[in-house]
Amino acid sequence: MSWRLEADTFVAVLDVEPAPDKEPARLRIEPATPGRLVLAGGAPLAGIWERRTFAELSGTVTYLQRLALTPEAVVQVELRDVSKADADAPLIAKQILRPAGKQVPLAFSLDYDPADIQPGRAYAVSARITDRGQLAYVTDTKVPVLTGGAPSNAEIVVVPVH
């Protein structure tokens, strides 16, 4: 998506299929509260938008094998609530990296809403690397972050999938 402001009009061009002509959507910016923005008009982006402040969880993904990533490799990093051991871990944030020739360690930065992080709960990051559609590396140990004295920076070491 690309956008620009023209006086009191928000002009957005969505780069989404099936919009071959990419007709710009014009929305009026209307007064609202300090933390809210109202975009008025008939476009999909119309509505009340709230301003939120996000926090950052950063770190690196690496592995110990002396193998290079191919240009087709894709790295996915996730932050999850892992408080309940026998339940699905709710996703808090995710980033997909396409290193395109870069090698490990690969830096990541996950933006998350601090309101999603509750004291007394446990959070962990994990990573997976796929190469040409095949799962190649995964996290095999819990990497705690954010609560219970855990850091907001993590080194994730992934292991090969056999």
C-alpha atoms as a PDB file:
ATOM      1  CA  MET A   1       0.000   0.000   0.000  1.00  0.00           C
ATOM      2  CA  SER A   2       1.171   3.518  -0.689  1.00  0.00           C
ATOM      3  CA  TRP A   3      -0.459   6.647   0.650  1.00  0.00           C
ATOM      4  CA  ARG A   4      -0.242  10.448   0.714  1.00  0.00           C
ATOM      5  CA  LEU A   5      -2.048  13.380   2.279  1.00  0.00           C
ATOM      6  CA  GLU A   6      -3.755  16.022   0.134  1.00  0.00           C
ATOM      7  CA  ALA A   7      -5.024  18.791   2.458  1.00  0.00           C
ATOM      8  CA  ASP A   8      -7.644  17.018   4.615  1.00  0.00           C
ATOM      9  CA  THR A   9      -7.831  13.931   2.375  1.00  0.00           C
ATOM     10  CA  PHE A  10      -6.006  10.633   2.923  1.00  0.00           C
ATOM     11  CA  VAL A  11      -5.264   9.034  -0.476  1.00  0.00           C
ATOM     12  CA  ALA A  12      -4.344   5.333  -0.412  1.00  0.00           C
ATOM     13  CA  VAL A  13      -3.441   2.959  -3.225  1.00  0.00           C
ATOM     14  CA  LEU A  14      -3.812  -0.685  -2.244  1.00  0.00           C
ATOM     15  CA  ASP A  15      -1.433  -3.020  -4.058  1.00  0.00           C
ATOM     16  CA  VAL A  16      -3.742  -6.006  -3.667  1.00  0.00           C
ATOM     17  CA  GLU A  17      -5.093  -8.410  -6.258  1.00  0.00           C
ATOM     18  CA  PRO A  18      -7.439  -8.247  -8.095  1.00  0.00           C
ATOM     19  CA  ALA A  19      -6.967  -4.485  -8.444  1.00  0.00           C
ATOM     20  CA  PRO A  20      -5.060  -4.159 -11.720  1.00  0.00           C
ATOM     21  CA  ASP A  21      -5.912  -0.470 -12.140  1.00  0.00           C
ATOM     22  CA  LYS A  22      -4.966   0.393  -8.523  1.00  0.00           C
ATOM     23  CA  GLU A  23      -7.557   3.144  -8.297  1.00  0.00           C
ATOM     24  CA  PRO A  24      -6.719   5.394  -5.333  1.00  0.00           C
ATOM     25  CA  ALA A  25      -9.169   5.473  -2.424  1.00  0.00           C
ATOM     26  CA  ARG A  26      -9.954   8.975  -1.185  1.00  0.00           C
ATOM     27  CA  LEU A  27     -10.984   9.314   2.429  1.00  0.00           C
ATOM     28  CA  ARG A  28     -11.729  12.494   4.385  1.00  0.00           C
ATOM     29  CA  ILE A  29      -9.865  12.979   7.651  1.00  0.00           C
ATOM     30  CA  GLU A  30     -12.389  14.061  10.289  1.00  0.00           C
ATOM     31  CA  PRO A  31     -11.758  15.364  13.821  1.00  0.00           C
ATOM     32  CA  ALA A  32     -11.659  12.767  16.585  1.00  0.00           C
ATOM     33  CA  THR A  33     -10.023  12.347  19.974  1.00  0.00           C
ATOM     34  CA  PRO A  34      -6.227  12.735  20.341  1.00  0.00           C
ATOM     35  CA  GLY A  35      -5.674   8.959  20.145  1.00  0.00           C
ATOM     36  CA  ARG A  36      -8.122   8.315  17.308  1.00  0.00           C
ATOM     37  CA  LEU A  37      -8.361   9.141  13.625  1.00  0.00           C
ATOM     38  CA  VAL A  38     -11.553   8.990  11.584  1.00  0.00           C
ATOM     39  CA  LEU A  39     -11.256   8.213   7.876  1.00  0.00           C
ATOM     40  CA  ALA A  40     -14.610   8.868   6.242  1.00  0.00           C
ATOM     41  CA  GLY A  41     -15.612   7.569   2.825  1.00  0.00           C
ATOM     42  CA  GLY A  42     -16.601   4.420   1.009  1.00  0.00           C
ATOM     43  CA  ALA A  43     -13.193   2.769   0.742  1.00  0.00           C
ATOM     44  CA  PRO A  44     -12.177  -0.392   2.670  1.00  0.00           C
ATOM     45  CA  LEU A  45      -9.911   1.673   4.964  1.00  0.00           C
ATOM     46  CA  ALA A  46     -12.770   3.882   6.189  1.00  0.00           C
ATOM     47  CA  GLY A  47     -13.485   3.786   9.898  1.00  0.00           C
ATOM     48  CA  ILE A  48     -12.124   4.813  13.262  1.00  0.00           C
ATOM     49  CA  TRP A  49      -8.439   4.105  13.709  1.00  0.00           C
ATOM     50  CA  GLU A  50      -6.771   4.081  17.122  1.00  0.00           C
ATOM     51  CA  ARG A  51      -3.209   5.080  17.766  1.00  0.00           C
ATOM     52  CA  ARG A  52      -1.214   2.477  19.684  1.00  0.00           C
ATOM     53  CA  THR A  53       2.323   2.427  20.905  1.00  0.00           C
ATOM     54  CA  PHE A  54       4.155  -0.787  20.150  1.00  0.00           C
ATOM     55  CA  ALA A  55       7.153  -2.273  21.909  1.00  0.00           C
ATOM     56  CA  GLU A  56      10.000  -4.141  20.250  1.00  0.00           C
ATOM     57  CA  LEU A  57      11.478  -7.565  20.850  1.00  0.00           C
ATOM     58  CA  SER A  58      14.713  -8.002  18.921  1.00  0.00           C
ATOM     59  CA  GLY A  59      17.391 -10.608  18.502  1.00  0.00           C
ATOM     60  CA  THR A  60      19.017 -13.012  16.091  1.00  0.00           C
ATOM     61  CA  VAL A  61      18.312 -16.374  14.507  1.00  0.00           C
ATOM     62  CA  THR A  62      21.292 -18.645  13.947  1.00  0.00           C
ATOM     63  CA  TYR A  63      22.314 -22.284  13.604  1.00  0.00           C
ATOM     64  CA  LEU A  64      25.552 -24.123  14.287  1.00  0.00           C
ATOM     65  CA  GLN A  65      25.926 -26.034  10.987  1.00  0.00           C
ATOM     66  CA  ARG A  66      28.452 -24.666   8.510  1.00  0.00           C
ATOM     67  CA  LEU A  67      25.961 -24.489   5.642  1.00  0.00           C
ATOM     68  CA  ALA A  68      24.894 -21.422   3.709  1.00  0.00           C
ATOM     69  CA  LEU A  69      21.264 -20.410   3.284  1.00  0.00           C
ATOM     70  CA  THR A  70      20.070 -20.404  -0.303  1.00  0.00           C
ATOM     71  CA  PRO A  71      18.526 -17.258  -1.814  1.00  0.00           C
ATOM     72  CA  GLU A  72      15.106 -18.959  -1.535  1.00  0.00           C
ATOM     73  CA  ALA A  73      15.305 -19.402   2.264  1.00  0.00           C
ATOM     74  CA  VAL A  74      12.524 -17.893   4.408  1.00  0.00           C
ATOM     75  CA  VAL A  75      12.810 -17.316   8.158  1.00  0.00           C
ATOM     76  CA  GLN A  76       9.705 -17.015  10.331  1.00  0.00           C
ATOM     77  CA  VAL A  77      10.000 -15.706  13.914  1.00  0.00           C
ATOM     78  CA  GLU A  78       7.049 -15.834  16.335  1.00  0.00           C
ATOM     79  CA  LEU A  79       6.296 -14.504  19.808  1.00  0.00           C
ATOM     80  CA  ARG A  80       3.737 -16.626  21.685  1.00  0.00           C
ATOM     81  CA  ASP A  81       2.087 -16.852  25.088  1.00  0.00           C
ATOM     82  CA  VAL A  82       3.358 -20.211  26.383  1.00  0.00           C
ATOM     83  CA  SER A  83       1.779 -20.025  29.848  1.00  0.00           C
ATOM     84  CA  LYS A  84      -0.331 -23.159  29.410  1.00  0.00           C
ATOM     85  CA  ALA A  85       1.827 -26.191  28.724  1.00  0.00           C
ATOM     86  CA  ASP A  86      -0.887 -28.402  27.239  1.00  0.00           C
ATOM     87  CA  ALA A  87      -2.723 -25.790  25.150  1.00  0.00           C
ATOM     88  CA  ASP A  88      -2.160 -23.988  21.880  1.00  0.00           C
ATOM     89  CA  ALA A  89       0.131 -21.005  22.443  1.00  0.00           C
ATOM     90  CA  PRO A  90      -1.615 -17.817  21.258  1.00  0.00           C
ATOM     91  CA  LEU A  91       0.359 -15.818  18.682  1.00  0.00           C
ATOM     92  CA  ILE A  92       1.329 -12.312  19.845  1.00  0.00           C
ATOM     93  CA  ALA A  93       3.592 -11.222  16.950  1.00  0.00           C
ATOM     94  CA  LYS A  94       5.227 -12.667  13.842  1.00  0.00           C
ATOM     95  CA  GLN A  95       7.884 -11.574  11.363  1.00  0.00           C
ATOM     96  CA  ILE A  96       8.842 -13.202   8.079  1.00  0.00           C
ATOM     97  CA  LEU A  97      12.361 -12.554   6.814  1.00  0.00           C
ATOM     98  CA  ARG A  98      13.615 -13.225   3.322  1.00  0.00           C
ATOM     99  CA  PRO A  99      17.391 -13.068   3.779  1.00  0.00           C
ATOM    100  CA  ALA A 100      18.084 -13.240   0.000  1.00  0.00           C
ATOM    101  CA  GLY A 101      21.729 -14.202   0.256  1.00  0.00           C
ATOM    102  CA  LYS A 102      22.425 -13.008   3.813  1.00  0.00           C
ATOM    103  CA  GLN A 103      23.708 -15.601   6.232  1.00  0.00           C
ATOM    104  CA  VAL A 104      23.245 -16.331   9.926  1.00  0.00           C
ATOM    105  CA  PRO A 105      23.060 -14.760  12.382  1.00  0.00           C
ATOM    106  CA  LEU A 106      20.011 -12.979  10.992  1.00  0.00           C
ATOM    107  CA  ALA A 107      18.597 -10.033  12.953  1.00  0.00           C
ATOM    108  CA  PHE A 108      14.867  -9.822  13.660  1.00  0.00           C
ATOM    109  CA  SER A 109      12.635  -7.222  15.254  1.00  0.00           C
ATOM    110  CA  LEU A 110       9.092  -8.059  16.399  1.00  0.00           C
ATOM    111  CA  ASP A 111       6.691  -5.208  17.131  1.00  0.00           C
ATOM    112  CA  TYR A 112       4.060  -6.169  19.688  1.00  0.00           C
ATOM    113  CA  ASP A 113       1.325  -4.429  21.631  1.00  0.00           C
ATOM    114  CA  PRO A 114       2.424  -4.180  25.301  1.00  0.00           C
ATOM    115  CA  ALA A 115      -1.238  -4.610  26.300  1.00  0.00           C
ATOM    116  CA  ASP A 116      -0.946  -8.219  25.044  1.00  0.00           C
ATOM    117  CA  ILE A 117       1.760  -8.988  27.625  1.00  0.00           C
ATOM    118  CA  GLN A 118       0.415  -9.888  31.085  1.00  0.00           C
ATOM    119  CA  PRO A 119       2.576 -10.079  34.215  1.00  0.00           C
ATOM    120  CA  GLY A 120       2.721 -13.592  35.586  1.00  0.00           C
ATOM    121  CA  ARG A 121       2.342 -15.203  32.175  1.00  0.00           C
ATOM    122  CA  ALA A 122       5.177 -16.803  30.181  1.00  0.00           C
ATOM    123  CA  TYR A 123       6.235 -15.768  26.666  1.00  0.00           C
ATOM    124  CA  ALA A 124       8.708 -17.332  24.265  1.00  0.00           C
ATOM    125  CA  VAL A 125      10.068 -16.768  20.771  1.00  0.00           C
ATOM    126  CA  SER A 126      10.668 -19.450  18.195  1.00  0.00           C
ATOM    127  CA  ALA A 127      11.929 -19.587  14.633  1.00  0.00           C
ATOM    128  CA  ARG A 128      11.744 -21.846  11.609  1.00  0.00           C
ATOM    129  CA  ILE A 129      13.638 -21.723   8.356  1.00  0.00           C
ATOM    130  CA  THR A 130      12.183 -23.134   5.173  1.00  0.00           C
ATOM    131  CA  ASP A 131      14.158 -23.535   1.990  1.00  0.00           C
ATOM    132  CA  ARG A 132      12.459 -24.005  -1.372  1.00  0.00           C
ATOM    133  CA  GLY A 133       9.234 -24.937   0.434  1.00  0.00           C
ATOM    134  CA  GLN A 134      10.846 -27.548   2.694  1.00  0.00           C
ATOM    135  CA  LEU A 135      11.205 -27.120   6.450  1.00  0.00           C
ATOM    136  CA  ALA A 136      14.960 -27.054   7.134  1.00  0.00           C
ATOM    137  CA  TYR A 137      15.483 -25.728  10.689  1.00  0.00           C
ATOM    138  CA  VAL A 138      13.297 -25.283  13.788  1.00  0.00           C
ATOM    139  CA  THR A 139      13.578 -24.144  17.387  1.00  0.00           C
ATOM    140  CA  ASP A 140      13.773 -27.191  19.660  1.00  0.00           C
ATOM    141  CA  THR A 141      14.094 -25.423  23.028  1.00  0.00           C
ATOM    142  CA  LYS A 142      11.996 -22.796  24.769  1.00  0.00           C
ATOM    143  CA  VAL A 143      13.462 -19.282  24.454  1.00  0.00           C
ATOM    144  CA  PRO A 144      11.777 -17.232  27.214  1.00  0.00           C
ATOM    145  CA  VAL A 145      11.343 -13.468  26.805  1.00  0.00           C
ATOM    146  CA  LEU A 146       9.707 -10.385  28.362  1.00  0.00           C
ATOM    147  CA  THR A 147       8.376 -11.603  31.733  1.00  0.00           C
ATOM    148  CA  GLY A 148       9.715 -13.367  34.800  1.00  0.00           C
ATOM    149  CA  GLY A 149      13.102 -11.683  34.463  1.00  0.00           C
ATOM    150  CA  ALA A 150      13.519 -12.806  30.838  1.00  0.00           C
ATOM    151  CA  PRO A 151      15.081 -10.292  28.418  1.00  0.00           C
ATOM    152  CA  SER A 152      13.495  -8.346  25.561  1.00  0.00           C
ATOM    153  CA  ASN A 153      16.339  -9.493  23.316  1.00  0.00           C
ATOM    154  CA  ALA A 154      16.858 -13.114  22.303  1.00  0.00           C
ATOM    155  CA  GLU A 155      19.269 -15.329  20.432  1.00  0.00           C
ATOM    156  CA  ILE A 156      17.329 -18.162  18.817  1.00  0.00           C
ATOM    157  CA  VAL A 157      19.380 -21.191  17.820  1.00  0.00           C
ATOM    158  CA  VAL A 158      17.554 -23.454  15.394  1.00  0.00           C
ATOM    159  CA  VAL A 159      18.440 -27.080  14.657  1.00  0.00           C
ATOM    160  CA  PRO A 160      18.170 -29.038  11.396  1.00  0.00           C
ATOM    161  CA  VAL A 161      15.054 -31.066  10.636  1.00  0.00           C
ATOM    162  CA  HIS A 162      15.934 -34.618   9.611  1.00  0.00           C
END
